[in-house]
Amino acid sequence: MRIVAGRHRGRALQAPPGDAVRPTSDRAREALFNILAHGRFGNGGDGPAYAGASVLDAFAGTGALGLEALSRGAAEAFFLESDRAALAVLRRNVEALGETARARIVPADATNPPRAQKPCGLVFLDPPYRGGLAQPALAALAAAGWIAPDALCVVEAAAKEDLAPVAGFDRLDDRTYGAARLFFLRRRAG
């Protein structure tokens, strides 16, 4: 697993042993970031959705999504992860890329997060497949102040999995890449 593009392009990321963490594939991550850069989810015509953004990577695992955003020009990234082995690997990946100044690791459960350090305009959720955690996590993260009004949220699920409607969020699109299905949601501003 490697960073696909940006200042850290080609740099390898570690993953913990076993199957407790399922990192987003390089192919799905590349497709996602192409959509965020060139698709209708860009920054209002002012460039990629991640450019200069505060990013939240919930269920962070290895940190691949947030670190890819930092590599491509996000201002900062917050990583929420509760698994000890994943946290250790996440810390090593952040340090190996020299991103300790722009990365904030928060040891926490995304379905019961602490109050936000800052609301984020771009949010990645990559919960365990078929666990039913996306909806409660979105609600909890919004209530705790992690998701800014009008924020773009990307939820990864299994290819055949669906995402039930989430109060306060509009479903914009979904795309399937191999074993992953990406849902694009926008938090309602009011």
Foldseek 3Di string as FASTA:
>chain_A
DAQCDAPRHPHDADAFPDVPDDDDDPVVLVVVQCCQFPNPVDDVPPGGQLAQWEEEEECCQRVNNVVSSVRHHHQAYEYEHADPRSVVRNVVRCVVVVNPVRYHYDNHHLLADAADPAATQEYEAEDPAPPPRPQSSVVNCVVSRNHAAFHKYKYKYFQPDDDDDHPQKDWDDWDDDVGIIITIITGHND
